[in-house]
Protein backbone atom coordinates (compact mmCIF):
# COMPACT_ATOMS: atom_id res chain seq x y z
CA MET A 1 0.10 -0.13 -0.01
CA PRO A 2 1.66 3.18 -1.20
CA ARG A 3 2.23 5.79 1.71
CA LYS A 4 1.78 9.50 0.60
CA ALA A 5 2.41 12.68 2.84
CA ILE A 6 0.22 15.47 1.87
CA THR A 7 1.77 18.75 3.00
CA PHE A 8 1.27 22.56 2.33
CA LEU A 9 3.80 25.06 1.51
CA GLY A 10 3.01 28.86 2.32
CA ILE A 11 4.69 32.04 1.81
CA GLY A 12 5.57 32.78 5.53
CA ASN A 13 8.79 33.85 6.87
CA TYR A 14 10.05 30.11 7.92
CA GLN A 15 12.20 30.09 10.96
CA GLU A 16 14.56 27.03 11.69
CA THR A 17 13.22 24.88 14.52
CA THR A 18 13.76 21.26 15.74
CA TYR A 19 10.54 19.22 15.15
CA THR A 20 10.03 16.16 17.41
CA TRP A 21 7.93 13.23 17.20
CA GLN A 22 7.78 10.10 19.74
CA GLY A 23 11.80 10.54 19.98
CA GLU A 24 12.44 11.47 16.44
CA GLN A 25 13.90 14.86 15.54
CA CYS A 26 14.45 17.00 12.58
CA THR A 27 15.89 20.56 12.67
CA THR A 28 14.62 22.40 9.55
CA LEU A 29 13.08 25.50 8.24
CA TYR A 30 10.24 23.44 6.79
CA MET A 31 7.57 21.02 8.52
CA ALA A 32 7.44 19.43 4.98
CA GLU A 33 10.90 18.36 5.50
CA ALA A 34 10.36 16.98 8.97
CA THR A 35 7.24 15.21 7.74
CA ALA A 36 9.27 13.47 4.97
CA ARG A 37 12.19 12.66 7.20
CA ILE A 38 10.43 11.67 10.35
CA PHE A 39 7.40 9.61 8.75
CA ALA A 40 9.41 8.37 5.50
CA PRO A 41 6.41 8.19 3.07
CA ASP A 42 6.93 6.76 -0.47
CA GLU A 43 6.18 10.13 -1.84
CA LEU A 44 5.69 13.70 -0.76
CA LEU A 45 2.93 15.77 -2.25
CA VAL A 46 3.55 19.48 -1.76
CA LEU A 47 0.35 21.73 -2.23
CA LEU A 48 1.34 25.21 -2.94
CA THR A 49 0.52 28.29 -4.80
CA THR A 50 2.41 30.22 -7.52
CA GLU A 51 3.74 32.57 -4.92
CA ALA A 52 5.02 29.76 -2.56
CA GLU A 53 6.58 27.80 -5.40
CA ALA A 54 8.55 31.12 -6.26
CA LYS A 55 9.68 31.59 -2.72
CA ASP A 56 10.58 28.37 -1.12
CA TYR A 57 9.82 25.38 -3.08
CA ALA A 58 13.21 25.09 -4.76
CA ALA A 59 14.95 25.16 -1.33
CA LEU A 60 12.61 22.42 0.05
CA VAL A 61 13.50 20.32 -3.05
CA GLN A 62 17.09 20.85 -2.53
CA ARG A 63 16.94 19.93 1.18
CA LEU A 64 15.19 16.78 0.41
CA ALA A 65 17.22 15.72 -2.54
CA GLY A 66 17.80 11.90 -2.65
CA THR A 67 15.33 11.48 0.52
CA VAL A 68 11.90 11.12 -1.15
CA PRO A 69 10.21 11.51 -4.49
CA ILE A 70 8.32 14.99 -4.26
CA ARG A 71 5.29 15.87 -6.46
CA LYS A 72 4.35 19.45 -6.87
CA LEU A 73 0.47 20.29 -6.76
CA SER A 74 -0.32 23.70 -7.84
CA ILE A 75 -3.39 25.28 -5.96
CA PRO A 76 -5.06 28.59 -6.08
CA ASN A 77 -5.07 31.05 -3.19
CA GLY A 78 -8.49 29.89 -1.76
CA ARG A 79 -10.07 33.29 -1.77
CA SER A 80 -13.41 32.07 -3.09
CA GLU A 81 -15.66 29.09 -2.70
CA THR A 82 -14.92 28.00 -6.34
CA GLU A 83 -11.05 28.08 -5.31
CA LEU A 84 -11.60 25.99 -2.22
CA TRP A 85 -13.50 23.44 -4.33
CA GLU A 86 -10.51 23.55 -6.73
CA ILE A 87 -8.08 22.74 -3.99
CA PHE A 88 -10.35 19.90 -2.76
CA SER A 89 -10.25 18.36 -6.19
CA VAL A 90 -6.58 18.59 -6.56
CA ILE A 91 -6.16 16.63 -3.20
CA ALA A 92 -8.74 13.94 -4.20
CA GLU A 93 -7.34 13.48 -7.71
CA ALA A 94 -3.66 12.97 -6.27
CA VAL A 95 -4.86 10.07 -4.31
CA ASP A 96 -5.06 6.64 -5.78
CA PRO A 97 -7.33 3.69 -4.25
CA GLY A 98 -5.76 2.03 -1.38
CA ASP A 99 -3.37 4.83 -0.45
CA SER A 100 -2.05 5.31 3.00
CA LEU A 101 -2.02 8.92 3.92
CA ILE A 102 -0.20 11.29 6.18
CA PHE A 103 -1.75 14.88 6.23
CA ASP A 104 0.44 17.69 7.40
CA ILE A 105 -1.68 20.82 7.84
CA THR A 106 1.13 22.91 9.62
CA SER A 107 1.63 25.40 6.60
CA SER A 108 -1.97 25.32 5.46
CA TYR A 109 -3.82 28.57 6.18
CA ARG A 110 -7.20 30.24 6.54
CA SER A 111 -9.79 27.41 6.06
CA LEU A 112 -7.39 24.89 4.56
CA PRO A 113 -6.85 22.84 7.80
CA VAL A 114 -10.89 22.27 7.69
CA LEU A 115 -10.71 21.47 4.07
CA ALA A 116 -7.96 18.90 4.72
CA LEU A 117 -9.87 17.27 7.56
CA LEU A 118 -12.96 16.86 5.33
CA ALA A 119 -10.81 15.56 2.31
CA ALA A 120 -9.24 13.07 4.50
CA SER A 121 -12.73 11.82 5.50
CA PHE A 122 -13.91 11.94 1.89
CA LEU A 123 -11.02 9.95 0.60
CA ARG A 124 -11.18 7.20 2.92
CA THR A 125 -14.84 6.54 1.19
CA VAL A 126 -14.19 7.19 -2.32
CA ARG A 127 -10.66 5.91 -2.66
CA GLU A 128 -10.76 3.59 0.29
CA ALA A 129 -7.60 5.30 1.44
CA THR A 130 -6.32 5.02 5.02
CA VAL A 131 -5.51 8.12 7.02
CA GLU A 132 -2.43 7.06 8.78
CA ARG A 133 -1.86 10.32 10.63
CA MET A 134 -2.95 13.88 10.47
CA ILE A 135 -0.24 15.87 12.10
CA TYR A 136 0.43 19.64 12.87
CA GLY A 137 3.95 21.10 13.70
CA ALA A 138 3.29 23.49 16.60
CA PHE A 139 5.91 26.06 16.16
CA GLU A 140 4.10 28.37 18.42
CA ALA A 141 4.40 25.72 21.30
CA ARG A 142 8.28 25.44 21.00
CA GLU A 143 10.42 25.46 24.00
CA ASN A 144 14.18 26.14 23.65
CA ASN A 145 13.22 26.13 19.74
CA VAL A 146 12.16 22.44 20.00
CA SER A 147 8.52 22.31 18.49
CA PRO A 148 6.31 19.28 19.11
CA ILE A 149 4.35 17.67 16.32
CA PHE A 150 0.70 17.22 17.37
CA ASP A 151 -1.11 14.22 16.43
CA LEU A 152 -4.82 15.25 15.30
CA THR A 153 -5.73 11.88 14.05
CA PRO A 154 -8.23 11.34 16.87
CA PHE A 155 -10.30 14.25 15.17
CA ILE A 156 -10.79 12.15 12.36
CA ALA A 157 -11.92 9.22 14.55
CA LEU A 158 -14.51 11.73 16.00
CA LEU A 159 -15.82 12.24 12.79
CA ASP A 160 -16.36 8.42 12.34
CA TRP A 161 -17.94 8.16 15.82
CA THR A 162 -20.29 11.16 14.93
CA THR A 163 -21.31 9.38 11.86
CA ALA A 164 -21.72 5.95 13.38
CA THR A 165 -23.72 7.43 16.26
CA GLU A 166 -25.95 9.28 13.98
CA ALA A 167 -26.70 6.05 12.21
CA PHE A 168 -27.54 4.10 15.43
CA LEU A 169 -29.80 6.99 16.62
CA ARG A 170 -31.44 7.40 13.11
CA TYR A 171 -31.63 4.01 11.77
CA GLY A 172 -31.00 1.65 14.84
CA ARG A 173 -28.03 0.03 13.22
CA ALA A 174 -24.95 -0.29 15.41
CA ASP A 175 -22.61 -2.03 13.27
CA ASP A 176 -20.18 1.06 12.53
CA LEU A 177 -20.61 2.26 16.22
CA ALA A 178 -19.75 -1.07 17.72
CA GLU A 179 -16.53 -1.25 15.45
CA GLN A 180 -15.72 2.43 16.61
CA VAL A 181 -16.05 1.39 20.24
CA ARG A 182 -13.94 -1.57 19.89
CA ASN A 183 -11.15 0.39 18.02
CA SER A 184 -11.45 3.26 20.77
CA VAL A 185 -8.63 1.84 22.83
CA HIS A 186 -6.37 2.98 19.92
CA SER A 187 -8.06 6.35 18.86
CA VAL A 188 -9.13 7.57 22.27
CA PRO A 189 -6.35 8.22 24.97
CA SER A 190 -6.79 6.28 28.24
CA ALA A 191 -9.90 4.43 26.86
CA PRO A 192 -10.66 1.31 28.85
CA ALA A 193 -10.29 -1.30 26.38
CA ASN A 194 -12.28 -4.24 28.22
CA ASN A 195 -15.25 -2.08 29.15
CA ASP A 196 -15.20 -0.95 25.64
CA SER A 197 -15.24 -4.43 24.10
CA ARG A 198 -18.44 -5.11 26.40
CA ILE A 199 -20.13 -1.95 25.21
CA ALA A 200 -19.44 -2.93 21.65
CA ASP A 201 -20.89 -6.31 22.20
CA GLN A 202 -24.04 -4.86 23.94
CA LEU A 203 -24.52 -2.49 21.10
CA ALA A 204 -24.43 -5.66 18.53
CA THR A 205 -26.90 -7.37 20.68
CA LEU A 206 -29.19 -4.46 21.10
CA THR A 207 -29.44 -4.02 17.32
CA ARG A 208 -30.17 -7.60 16.82
CA ALA A 209 -32.83 -7.73 19.22
CA LEU A 210 -34.46 -4.64 17.87
CA GLN A 211 -34.17 -5.92 14.26
CA THR A 212 -35.69 -9.23 15.15
CA VAL A 213 -38.33 -7.63 17.59
CA ARG A 214 -37.05 -9.68 20.74
CA THR A 215 -38.66 -7.33 23.23
CA ALA A 216 -37.46 -8.82 26.42
CA GLU A 217 -33.97 -8.87 24.99
CA VAL A 218 -34.31 -5.54 24.00
CA MET A 219 -35.22 -4.25 27.41
CA GLU A 220 -32.30 -6.46 29.08
CA SER A 221 -29.75 -5.23 26.45
CA ALA A 222 -30.63 -1.40 26.78
CA ASP A 223 -30.35 -1.81 30.68
CA ARG A 224 -27.01 -3.53 30.54
CA LEU A 225 -25.84 -0.93 27.83
CA ASP A 226 -26.86 2.04 30.25
CA GLN A 227 -24.85 0.40 33.11
CA LEU A 228 -21.62 0.00 30.99
CA LEU A 229 -21.90 3.60 29.57
CA GLN A 230 -22.36 4.77 33.09
CA GLN A 231 -19.13 2.69 34.14
CA ARG A 232 -17.26 4.31 31.06
CA ARG A 233 -18.20 7.80 32.14
CA ASN A 234 -16.93 7.15 35.69
CA ASP A 235 -13.84 5.64 34.43
CA THR A 236 -12.83 8.40 31.81
CA GLU A 237 -14.64 11.46 33.78
CA ASN A 238 -11.08 13.19 34.29
CA ASP A 239 -9.68 12.49 30.93
CA PRO A 240 -10.52 15.51 28.85
CA PRO A 241 -9.46 14.00 25.29
CA THR A 242 -12.37 11.52 26.03
CA ALA A 243 -15.03 14.25 26.41
CA PRO A 244 -16.36 14.54 23.12
CA PHE A 245 -16.57 10.47 22.79
CA THR A 246 -18.48 10.51 26.25
CA MET A 247 -20.91 12.95 24.92
CA LEU A 248 -21.85 10.85 21.89
CA LEU A 249 -22.22 7.74 24.17
CA ASP A 250 -24.29 10.00 26.46
CA GLN A 251 -26.69 10.78 23.53
CA ILE A 252 -27.01 7.00 23.02
CA THR A 253 -28.10 6.54 26.54
CA ASP A 254 -30.65 9.33 25.98
CA GLY A 255 -31.84 7.66 22.95
CA TYR A 256 -32.45 4.01 24.32
CA ALA A 257 -32.70 4.39 28.32
CA HIS A 258 -36.51 4.51 28.07
CA LEU A 259 -36.50 0.95 26.61
CA ALA A 260 -34.38 -0.38 29.33
CA LEU A 261 -35.62 -2.81 32.07
CA ALA A 262 -33.41 -5.14 34.04
CA ASP A 263 -35.99 -7.99 34.53
CA PRO A 264 -38.92 -7.86 31.90
CA MET A 265 -39.88 -11.55 32.93
CA ASP A 266 -40.76 -10.67 36.39
CA PRO A 267 -44.50 -10.66 36.70
CA ALA A 268 -44.30 -7.37 39.05
CA ASN A 269 -43.07 -5.64 35.88
CA SER A 270 -46.01 -6.01 33.68
CA ASN A 271 -47.00 -2.50 33.49
CA ALA A 272 -43.31 -1.23 32.76
CA VAL A 273 -42.99 -3.91 30.03
CA LEU A 274 -46.21 -2.66 28.33
CA GLN A 275 -44.95 0.94 28.61
CA ARG A 276 -41.51 0.04 26.98
CA LYS A 277 -43.17 -2.20 24.37
CA LEU A 278 -45.40 0.58 23.16
CA ALA A 279 -42.13 2.79 23.29
CA MET A 280 -40.59 0.16 20.92
CA VAL A 281 -43.57 0.55 18.57
CA TYR A 282 -42.74 4.18 18.41
CA TRP A 283 -39.12 3.70 17.96
CA TYR A 284 -39.92 1.44 14.83
CA LEU A 285 -42.20 4.02 13.38
CA GLN A 286 -39.60 6.86 13.81
CA LYS A 287 -36.79 4.52 12.15
CA ALA A 288 -39.07 3.83 9.19
CA MET A 289 -39.54 0.20 10.00
CA PRO A 290 -43.38 -0.30 9.80
CA VAL A 291 -43.13 -4.07 9.42
CA GLN A 292 -41.63 -4.50 13.00
CA ALA A 293 -43.97 -1.77 14.45
CA ILE A 294 -47.14 -3.74 13.13
CA THR A 295 -45.82 -7.11 14.31
CA LEU A 296 -45.13 -5.72 17.69
CA SER A 297 -48.39 -3.77 17.90
CA ARG A 298 -50.34 -6.97 17.39
CA GLU A 299 -48.26 -8.58 20.38
CA TRP A 300 -48.62 -5.47 22.39
CA LEU A 301 -52.55 -5.70 22.29
CA VAL A 302 -52.40 -9.34 23.31
CA SER A 303 -50.07 -8.36 26.25
CA LEU A 304 -52.35 -5.68 27.15
CA VAL A 305 -55.32 -8.05 27.59
CA VAL A 306 -53.09 -10.57 29.56
CA ALA A 307 -51.88 -7.76 31.93
CA ARG A 308 -55.24 -6.19 32.36
CA ARG A 309 -56.48 -9.69 33.55
CA GLY A 310 -53.86 -9.76 35.99
CA GLN A 311 -51.94 -12.74 34.24
CA GLU A 312 -48.18 -13.43 33.18
CA LEU A 313 -47.28 -11.77 30.20
CA PHE A 314 -45.00 -14.63 28.87
CA ASP A 315 -47.38 -17.43 29.65
CA ARG A 316 -48.21 -19.07 26.31
CA SER A 317 -51.68 -20.21 27.65
CA HIS A 318 -52.71 -16.88 28.79
CA ARG A 319 -51.68 -15.43 25.49
CA VAL A 320 -53.72 -17.94 23.64
CA GLU A 321 -56.84 -17.16 25.95
CA ALA A 322 -56.25 -13.42 25.09
CA GLU A 323 -56.06 -14.00 21.34
CA ASP A 324 -59.49 -15.96 21.61
CA LEU A 325 -61.00 -13.16 23.37
CA LEU A 326 -59.74 -10.50 20.61
CA ASN A 327 -60.94 -12.88 18.01
CA ALA A 328 -64.28 -13.30 19.53
CA ARG A 329 -63.96 -17.13 19.72
CA VAL A 330 -64.92 -16.80 23.51
CA GLN A 331 -66.93 -14.15 25.28
CA ALA A 332 -65.49 -12.39 28.08
CA ALA A 333 -67.60 -12.78 31.41
CA GLU A 334 -69.06 -9.68 33.01
CA THR A 335 -66.73 -10.08 35.92
CA ASP A 336 -63.69 -10.27 33.42
CA PRO A 337 -61.59 -7.03 34.12
CA ILE A 338 -61.48 -6.31 30.31
CA HIS A 339 -65.21 -6.95 29.68
CA THR A 340 -66.03 -3.16 29.22
CA ASP A 341 -63.26 -2.45 27.02
CA LEU A 342 -63.02 -5.59 24.96
CA PRO A 343 -65.20 -4.29 21.93
CA ARG A 344 -62.91 -1.37 21.68
CA MET A 345 -59.78 -3.74 21.58
CA GLN A 346 -61.46 -6.08 19.20
CA LYS A 347 -62.02 -3.15 16.83
CA ILE A 348 -58.44 -2.37 16.85
CA TRP A 349 -57.46 -5.89 16.62
CA ILE A 350 -59.37 -6.40 13.41
CA GLU A 351 -57.63 -3.23 11.77
CA LEU A 352 -54.29 -4.71 12.98
CA ALA A 353 -54.97 -8.10 11.56
CA GLY A 354 -55.78 -6.69 8.25
CA LEU A 355 -52.88 -4.48 8.00
CA ARG A 356 -50.63 -7.34 9.45
CA ASN A 357 -51.72 -9.68 6.70
CA ASP A 358 -51.46 -7.14 4.01
CA VAL A 359 -47.73 -6.77 4.96
CA ALA A 360 -47.19 -10.40 5.31
CA HIS A 361 -48.02 -10.99 1.73
CA THR A 362 -45.58 -8.47 0.54
CA GLY A 363 -47.86 -7.04 -2.05
CA MET A 364 -48.52 -10.20 -3.96
CA ARG A 365 -52.52 -9.97 -3.80
CA PRO A 366 -55.11 -7.67 -5.38
CA GLY A 367 -55.94 -4.50 -3.40
CA SER A 368 -52.58 -4.54 -1.46
CA ALA A 369 -51.85 -1.08 0.24
CA HIS A 370 -49.14 1.19 -1.20
CA ALA A 371 -46.13 1.53 0.92
CA GLN A 372 -46.94 5.07 1.89
CA LYS A 373 -50.27 3.85 3.04
CA VAL A 374 -48.70 0.97 5.23
CA PHE A 375 -46.76 3.87 6.87
CA GLN A 376 -49.81 5.98 7.52
CA ARG A 377 -52.15 2.95 8.75
CA ALA A 378 -49.27 2.07 11.11
CA ASP A 379 -48.95 5.46 12.52
CA LYS A 380 -52.72 5.76 13.29
CA ILE A 381 -52.67 2.37 14.99
CA TYR A 382 -50.05 3.39 17.17
CA GLU A 383 -52.01 6.45 18.16
CA LYS A 384 -55.03 4.27 18.97
CA LEU A 385 -52.87 1.80 21.16
CA GLN A 386 -51.55 5.04 23.09
CA GLN A 387 -54.98 6.40 23.51
CA LEU A 388 -56.06 2.70 24.48
CA LEU A 389 -53.38 2.52 27.35
CA ILE A 390 -54.04 6.06 28.78
CA LEU A 391 -57.83 5.15 29.02
CA LEU A 392 -57.26 1.90 30.96
CA ASN A 393 -54.65 3.30 33.23
CA GLN A 394 -57.28 5.80 34.24
CA ARG A 395 -59.75 3.07 35.23
CA PRO A 396 -59.31 0.85 38.31
CA SER A 397 -58.27 -2.67 37.71
């Protein structure tokens, strides 16, 4: 895999200093030279304007003679949005598929550091390139004329975390987020590797449970995830570099804590299970997953009948009895707690059954609802279930 260092050459009055990186040193006027000598890329790509080329490029080439191949990349001054897009294109076109990149943003100016960061993220996708490092020679932080080289690579990791977290919160997919958490021991200083591995595993478990509508598993997984995230916050609360990553994990907690329940199988938690199941229906609708929402809505209505009758939610015989009542195969006795409300439940049940059958036949029968109609009907059913739960909670059991 070719290793390319991408650097900038400006028109500043460069002063000699000793750049240092993990015990390596290079005394030079130009951070571009330090990048080439310390990181030893296969090729050095130098972005520079016409003015910078006239002022310093020849001197840089002379200093690196016989060290590394140098390629000059001419760019405009970046004084307009059009010129910024031109610079972006120059960087993108210089990178080949599979390249390993080292970005040196020391001598970039104005908005170019931001542009370089975005280009790095973009190239990983369109070129499948690897960003090995993003570095900055901190001349202004020098002591005794020794200037440290800062590693900005974790900020690229932060972009990855942000994108992966958004995917999880918006679409319920934690694949990328779990990978980021597993890799966080390398990208986030002082990250507790063992706990991160457990968090990643729990994210994967929660995702699978949500995708397959395993309601009890969702509640248990969300509860374990909440505990692990709290432990991670406690472990890293005094470590400033982890703060942005912890903020993203806090957002995950906010998005999924309302689904958490430590022991959903406990009969004493029936009401809590009902609340969380209905929250899951809403979650599926918000994530544009109407098939799962419709499936869970049906089981939620069965669970409501069972819970209203004071029976165990996960007992199969009780659920069969509830389905018989909803299907009007048997009549509820006048002393049955659901006797008064059963007609309302049966009406919703019939509507649910029709929608569920429509979806199950995947549009392969006459009169099937259009996709948009499925979404709309699923939303309306959720609203009816919500109103039903509110109504029953206002009545004595």
